[in-house]
């Protein structure tokens, strides 16, 4: 989380926004843009353009004691 990676609950992969790209759309419930996805099962990173990210699908950062 501290390095800008987030976990997608449905897809079960980590993702981050592309640093030099602006979001195409941003609302209260979702955003659309370009992201890098990291799949820990295959240990590969892929780029997805024009991806719609629904905020409810993002795992919340855990609260540690």
PDB file of N, CA and C in Angstrom:
ATOM      1  N   UNK A   1       0.808  -1.197   0.000  1.00  0.00           N
ATOM      2  CA  UNK A   1       0.000   0.000   0.000  1.00  0.00           C
ATOM      3  C   UNK A   1       0.854   1.266   0.000  1.00  0.00           C
ATOM      4  N   UNK A   2       1.953   1.254   0.734  1.00  0.00           N
ATOM      5  CA  UNK A   2       2.762   2.465   0.838  1.00  0.00           C
ATOM      6  C   UNK A   2       3.492   2.780  -0.461  1.00  0.00           C
ATOM      7  N   UNK A   3       3.569   1.845  -1.366  1.00  0.00           N
ATOM      8  CA  UNK A   3       4.237   2.082  -2.653  1.00  0.00           C
ATOM      9  C   UNK A   3       3.244   2.290  -3.789  1.00  0.00           C
ATOM     10  N   UNK A   4       1.975   2.486  -3.454  1.00  0.00           N
ATOM     11  CA  UNK A   4       0.978   2.787  -4.473  1.00  0.00           C
ATOM     12  C   UNK A   4       0.298   1.584  -5.093  1.00  0.00           C
ATOM     13  N   UNK A   5       0.477   0.399  -4.526  1.00  0.00           N
ATOM     14  CA  UNK A   5      -0.179  -0.803  -5.021  1.00  0.00           C
ATOM     15  C   UNK A   5      -1.420  -1.086  -4.190  1.00  0.00           C
ATOM     16  N   UNK A   6      -2.478  -1.555  -4.860  1.00  0.00           N
ATOM     17  CA  UNK A   6      -3.742  -1.872  -4.211  1.00  0.00           C
ATOM     18  C   UNK A   6      -4.193  -3.253  -4.667  1.00  0.00           C
ATOM     19  N   UNK A   7      -5.006  -3.902  -3.826  1.00  0.00           N
ATOM     20  CA  UNK A   7      -5.462  -5.259  -4.130  1.00  0.00           C
ATOM     21  C   UNK A   7      -6.905  -5.223  -4.611  1.00  0.00           C
ATOM     22  N   UNK A   8      -7.168  -5.871  -5.756  1.00  0.00           N
ATOM     23  CA  UNK A   8      -8.517  -5.967  -6.316  1.00  0.00           C
ATOM     24  C   UNK A   8      -9.143  -7.255  -5.787  1.00  0.00           C
ATOM     25  N   UNK A   9     -10.243  -7.128  -5.040  1.00  0.00           N
ATOM     26  CA  UNK A   9     -10.841  -8.278  -4.364  1.00  0.00           C
ATOM     27  C   UNK A   9     -11.407  -9.315  -5.328  1.00  0.00           C
ATOM     28  N   UNK A  10     -12.045  -8.896  -6.402  1.00  0.00           N
ATOM     29  CA  UNK A  10     -12.642  -9.858  -7.334  1.00  0.00           C
ATOM     30  C   UNK A  10     -11.608 -10.510  -8.244  1.00  0.00           C
ATOM     31  N   UNK A  11     -10.712  -9.721  -8.788  1.00  0.00           N
ATOM     32  CA  UNK A  11      -9.703 -10.256  -9.705  1.00  0.00           C
ATOM     33  C   UNK A  11      -8.559 -10.947  -8.976  1.00  0.00           C
ATOM     34  N   UNK A  12      -8.400 -10.643  -7.689  1.00  0.00           N
ATOM     35  CA  UNK A  12      -7.346 -11.216  -6.847  1.00  0.00           C
ATOM     36  C   UNK A  12      -5.951 -10.935  -7.398  1.00  0.00           C
ATOM     37  N   UNK A  13      -5.753  -9.682  -7.777  1.00  0.00           N
ATOM     38  CA  UNK A  13      -4.455  -9.241  -8.266  1.00  0.00           C
ATOM     39  C   UNK A  13      -4.157  -7.863  -7.698  1.00  0.00           C
ATOM     40  N   UNK A  14      -2.895  -7.504  -7.715  1.00  0.00           N
ATOM     41  CA  UNK A  14      -2.449  -6.186  -7.276  1.00  0.00           C
ATOM     42  C   UNK A  14      -2.400  -5.257  -8.479  1.00  0.00           C
ATOM     43  N   UNK A  15      -2.655  -3.976  -8.261  1.00  0.00           N
ATOM     44  CA  UNK A  15      -2.599  -3.017  -9.354  1.00  0.00           C
ATOM     45  C   UNK A  15      -2.116  -1.667  -8.857  1.00  0.00           C
ATOM     46  N   UNK A  16      -1.636  -0.862  -9.794  1.00  0.00           N
ATOM     47  CA  UNK A  16      -1.220   0.505  -9.517  1.00  0.00           C
ATOM     48  C   UNK A  16      -1.495   1.348 -10.756  1.00  0.00           C
ATOM     49  N   UNK A  17      -1.731   2.628 -10.552  1.00  0.00           N
ATOM     50  CA  UNK A  17      -1.941   3.537 -11.682  1.00  0.00           C
ATOM     51  C   UNK A  17      -0.611   3.804 -12.381  1.00  0.00           C
ATOM     52  N   UNK A  18      -0.668   4.041 -13.682  1.00  0.00           N
ATOM     53  CA  UNK A  18       0.514   4.482 -14.408  1.00  0.00           C
ATOM     54  C   UNK A  18       0.839   5.893 -13.955  1.00  0.00           C
ATOM     55  N   UNK A  19       2.076   6.145 -13.643  1.00  0.00           N
ATOM     56  CA  UNK A  19       2.481   7.413 -13.035  1.00  0.00           C
ATOM     57  C   UNK A  19       2.323   8.620 -13.952  1.00  0.00           C
ATOM     58  N   UNK A  20       2.608   8.474 -15.228  1.00  0.00           N
ATOM     59  CA  UNK A  20       2.597   9.621 -16.140  1.00  0.00           C
ATOM     60  C   UNK A  20       1.291   9.776 -16.909  1.00  0.00           C
ATOM     61  N   UNK A  21       0.255   9.035 -16.522  1.00  0.00           N
ATOM     62  CA  UNK A  21      -1.019   9.075 -17.241  1.00  0.00           C
ATOM     63  C   UNK A  21      -2.108   9.635 -16.332  1.00  0.00           C
ATOM     64  N   UNK A  22      -2.913  10.532 -16.872  1.00  0.00           N
ATOM     65  CA  UNK A  22      -4.055  11.062 -16.135  1.00  0.00           C
ATOM     66  C   UNK A  22      -5.224  10.095 -16.252  1.00  0.00           C
ATOM     67  N   UNK A  23      -6.107  10.127 -15.244  1.00  0.00           N
ATOM     68  CA  UNK A  23      -7.317   9.324 -15.307  1.00  0.00           C
ATOM     69  C   UNK A  23      -8.219   9.868 -16.407  1.00  0.00           C
ATOM     70  N   UNK A  24      -8.920   8.974 -17.101  1.00  0.00           N
ATOM     71  CA  UNK A  24      -9.842   9.393 -18.148  1.00  0.00           C
ATOM     72  C   UNK A  24     -11.156   9.869 -17.548  1.00  0.00           C
ATOM     73  N   UNK A  25     -11.613   9.186 -16.490  1.00  0.00           N
ATOM     74  CA  UNK A  25     -12.856   9.520 -15.792  1.00  0.00           C
ATOM     75  C   UNK A  25     -12.636   9.262 -14.314  1.00  0.00           C
ATOM     76  N   UNK A  26     -13.195  10.124 -13.460  1.00  0.00           N
ATOM     77  CA  UNK A  26     -13.139   9.890 -12.013  1.00  0.00           C
ATOM     78  C   UNK A  26     -14.447  10.368 -11.406  1.00  0.00           C
ATOM     79  N   UNK A  27     -15.152   9.456 -10.707  1.00  0.00           N
ATOM     80  CA  UNK A  27     -16.394   9.790 -10.013  1.00  0.00           C
ATOM     81  C   UNK A  27     -16.251   9.368  -8.555  1.00  0.00           C
ATOM     82  N   UNK A  28     -17.343   9.466  -7.805  1.00  0.00           N
ATOM     83  CA  UNK A  28     -17.301   9.045  -6.398  1.00  0.00           C
ATOM     84  C   UNK A  28     -17.220   7.532  -6.257  1.00  0.00           C
ATOM     85  N   UNK A  29     -17.676   6.781  -7.271  1.00  0.00           N
ATOM     86  CA  UNK A  29     -17.750   5.330  -7.150  1.00  0.00           C
ATOM     87  C   UNK A  29     -16.759   4.561  -8.017  1.00  0.00           C
ATOM     88  N   UNK A  30     -16.210   5.201  -9.033  1.00  0.00           N
ATOM     89  CA  UNK A  30     -15.270   4.494  -9.908  1.00  0.00           C
ATOM     90  C   UNK A  30     -14.349   5.478 -10.614  1.00  0.00           C
ATOM     91  N   UNK A  31     -13.321   4.912 -11.244  1.00  0.00           N
ATOM     92  CA  UNK A  31     -12.435   5.698 -12.097  1.00  0.00           C
ATOM     93  C   UNK A  31     -12.037   4.839 -13.289  1.00  0.00           C
ATOM     94  N   UNK A  32     -11.654   5.499 -14.371  1.00  0.00           N
ATOM     95  CA  UNK A  32     -11.207   4.782 -15.568  1.00  0.00           C
ATOM     96  C   UNK A  32      -9.865   5.350 -15.994  1.00  0.00           C
ATOM     97  N   UNK A  33      -8.931   4.450 -16.261  1.00  0.00           N
ATOM     98  CA  UNK A  33      -7.602   4.897 -16.643  1.00  0.00           C
ATOM     99  C   UNK A  33      -6.704   3.735 -17.011  1.00  0.00           C
ATOM    100  N   UNK A  34      -5.402   3.981 -16.957  1.00  0.00           N
ATOM    101  CA  UNK A  34      -4.392   2.980 -17.310  1.00  0.00           C
ATOM    102  C   UNK A  34      -3.692   2.497 -16.039  1.00  0.00           C
ATOM    103  N   UNK A  35      -3.528   1.192 -15.935  1.00  0.00           N
ATOM    104  CA  UNK A  35      -2.977   0.581 -14.729  1.00  0.00           C
ATOM    105  C   UNK A  35      -2.002  -0.525 -15.094  1.00  0.00           C
ATOM    106  N   UNK A  36      -1.097  -0.804 -14.171  1.00  0.00           N
ATOM    107  CA  UNK A  36      -0.295  -2.019 -14.220  1.00  0.00           C
ATOM    108  C   UNK A  36      -0.916  -3.001 -13.239  1.00  0.00           C
ATOM    109  N   UNK A  37      -1.054  -4.253 -13.671  1.00  0.00           N
ATOM    110  CA  UNK A  37      -1.578  -5.315 -12.831  1.00  0.00           C
ATOM    111  C   UNK A  37      -0.485  -6.338 -12.601  1.00  0.00           C
ATOM    112  N   UNK A  38      -0.377  -6.782 -11.353  1.00  0.00           N
ATOM    113  CA  UNK A  38       0.587  -7.824 -11.007  1.00  0.00           C
ATOM    114  C   UNK A  38      -0.174  -9.040 -10.514  1.00  0.00           C
ATOM    115  N   UNK A  39       0.020 -10.160 -11.186  1.00  0.00           N
ATOM    116  CA  UNK A  39      -0.625 -11.415 -10.811  1.00  0.00           C
ATOM    117  C   UNK A  39       0.380 -12.260 -10.035  1.00  0.00           C
ATOM    118  N   UNK A  40       0.167 -12.447  -8.720  1.00  0.00           N
ATOM    119  CA  UNK A  40       1.125 -13.219  -7.928  1.00  0.00           C
ATOM    120  C   UNK A  40       1.153 -14.706  -8.286  1.00  0.00           C
ATOM    121  N   UNK A  41       0.110 -15.210  -8.939  1.00  0.00           N
ATOM    122  CA  UNK A  41       0.104 -16.624  -9.330  1.00  0.00           C
ATOM    123  C   UNK A  41       1.050 -16.896 -10.492  1.00  0.00           C
ATOM    124  N   UNK A  42       1.104 -15.964 -11.442  1.00  0.00           N
ATOM    125  CA  UNK A  42       1.981 -16.134 -12.602  1.00  0.00           C
ATOM    126  C   UNK A  42       3.259 -15.315 -12.477  1.00  0.00           C
ATOM    127  N   UNK A  43       3.297 -14.425 -11.483  1.00  0.00           N
ATOM    128  CA  UNK A  43       4.442 -13.547 -11.226  1.00  0.00           C
ATOM    129  C   UNK A  43       4.733 -12.666 -12.443  1.00  0.00           C
ATOM    130  N   UNK A  44       3.644 -12.194 -13.085  1.00  0.00           N
ATOM    131  CA  UNK A  44       3.796 -11.343 -14.259  1.00  0.00           C
ATOM    132  C   UNK A  44       3.038 -10.037 -14.072  1.00  0.00           C
ATOM    133  N   UNK A  45       3.564  -8.986 -14.705  1.00  0.00           N
ATOM    134  CA  UNK A  45       2.929  -7.685 -14.663  1.00  0.00           C
ATOM    135  C   UNK A  45       2.466  -7.336 -16.074  1.00  0.00           C
ATOM    136  N   UNK A  46       1.219  -6.877 -16.184  1.00  0.00           N
ATOM    137  CA  UNK A  46       0.670  -6.492 -17.475  1.00  0.00           C
ATOM    138  C   UNK A  46       0.031  -5.116 -17.361  1.00  0.00           C
ATOM    139  N   UNK A  47      -0.040  -4.436 -18.488  1.00  0.00           N
ATOM    140  CA  UNK A  47      -0.661  -3.114 -18.539  1.00  0.00           C
ATOM    141  C   UNK A  47      -2.076  -3.252 -19.082  1.00  0.00           C
ATOM    142  N   UNK A  48      -3.015  -2.548 -18.440  1.00  0.00           N
ATOM    143  CA  UNK A  48      -4.394  -2.524 -18.918  1.00  0.00           C
ATOM    144  C   UNK A  48      -4.794  -1.077 -19.119  1.00  0.00           C
ATOM    145  N   UNK A  49      -5.174  -0.756 -20.343  1.00  0.00           N
ATOM    146  CA  UNK A  49      -5.624   0.592 -20.673  1.00  0.00           C
ATOM    147  C   UNK A  49      -7.144   0.656 -20.624  1.00  0.00           C
ATOM    148  N   UNK A  50      -7.667   1.845 -20.323  1.00  0.00           N
ATOM    149  CA  UNK A  50      -9.107   2.096 -20.324  1.00  0.00           C
ATOM    150  C   UNK A  50      -9.850   1.141 -19.377  1.00  0.00           C
ATOM    151  N   UNK A  51      -9.240   0.807 -18.253  1.00  0.00           N
ATOM    152  CA  UNK A  51      -9.830  -0.108 -17.270  1.00  0.00           C
ATOM    153  C   UNK A  51     -10.714   0.671 -16.309  1.00  0.00           C
ATOM    154  N   UNK A  52     -11.915   0.147 -16.045  1.00  0.00           N
ATOM    155  CA  UNK A  52     -12.834   0.770 -15.091  1.00  0.00           C
ATOM    156  C   UNK A  52     -12.614   0.119 -13.733  1.00  0.00           C
ATOM    157  N   UNK A  53     -12.223   0.918 -12.768  1.00  0.00           N
ATOM    158  CA  UNK A  53     -11.970   0.443 -11.412  1.00  0.00           C
ATOM    159  C   UNK A  53     -13.082   0.935 -10.501  1.00  0.00           C
ATOM    160  N   UNK A  54     -13.867   0.009  -9.991  1.00  0.00           N
ATOM    161  CA  UNK A  54     -14.936   0.329  -9.045  1.00  0.00           C
ATOM    162  C   UNK A  54     -14.322   0.293  -7.654  1.00  0.00           C
ATOM    163  N   UNK A  55     -14.455   1.394  -6.930  1.00  0.00           N
ATOM    164  CA  UNK A  55     -13.770   1.533  -5.644  1.00  0.00           C
ATOM    165  C   UNK A  55     -14.161   0.463  -4.630  1.00  0.00           C
ATOM    166  N   UNK A  56     -15.385  -0.059  -4.700  1.00  0.00           N
ATOM    167  CA  UNK A  56     -15.809  -1.116  -3.771  1.00  0.00           C
ATOM    168  C   UNK A  56     -14.990  -2.390  -3.940  1.00  0.00           C
ATOM    169  N   UNK A  57     -14.367  -2.560  -5.090  1.00  0.00           N
ATOM    170  CA  UNK A  57     -13.583  -3.761  -5.366  1.00  0.00           C
ATOM    171  C   UNK A  57     -12.155  -3.670  -4.837  1.00  0.00           C
ATOM    172  N   UNK A  58     -11.778  -2.520  -4.304  1.00  0.00           N
ATOM    173  CA  UNK A  58     -10.424  -2.326  -3.790  1.00  0.00           C
ATOM    174  C   UNK A  58     -10.387  -2.690  -2.310  1.00  0.00           C
ATOM    175  N   UNK A  59      -9.454  -3.567  -1.955  1.00  0.00           N
ATOM    176  CA  UNK A  59      -9.273  -3.956  -0.552  1.00  0.00           C
ATOM    177  C   UNK A  59      -8.815  -2.743   0.253  1.00  0.00           C
ATOM    178  N   UNK A  60      -9.431  -2.549   1.397  1.00  0.00           N
ATOM    179  CA  UNK A  60      -9.047  -1.440   2.276  1.00  0.00           C
ATOM    180  C   UNK A  60      -7.727  -1.749   2.967  1.00  0.00           C
ATOM    181  N   UNK A  61      -6.986  -0.716   3.241  1.00  0.00           N
ATOM    182  CA  UNK A  61      -5.708  -0.879   3.943  1.00  0.00           C
ATOM    183  C   UNK A  61      -5.977  -1.397   5.357  1.00  0.00           C
ATOM    184  N   UNK A  62      -5.294  -2.451   5.785  1.00  0.00           N
ATOM    185  CA  UNK A  62      -5.542  -2.999   7.126  1.00  0.00           C
ATOM    186  C   UNK A  62      -5.071  -2.044   8.224  1.00  0.00           C
ATOM    187  N   UNK A  63      -5.778  -2.069   9.323  1.00  0.00           N
ATOM    188  CA  UNK A  63      -5.394  -1.275  10.494  1.00  0.00           C
ATOM    189  C   UNK A  63      -4.610  -2.192  11.425  1.00  0.00           C
ATOM    190  N   UNK A  64      -3.350  -1.880  11.609  1.00  0.00           N
ATOM    191  CA  UNK A  64      -2.490  -2.712  12.449  1.00  0.00           C
ATOM    192  C   UNK A  64      -2.378  -2.110  13.847  1.00  0.00           C
ATOM    193  N   UNK A  65      -2.305  -2.968  14.857  1.00  0.00           N
ATOM    194  CA  UNK A  65      -2.204  -2.445  16.232  1.00  0.00           C
ATOM    195  C   UNK A  65      -0.862  -1.788  16.508  1.00  0.00           C
TER     196      UNK A  65
END
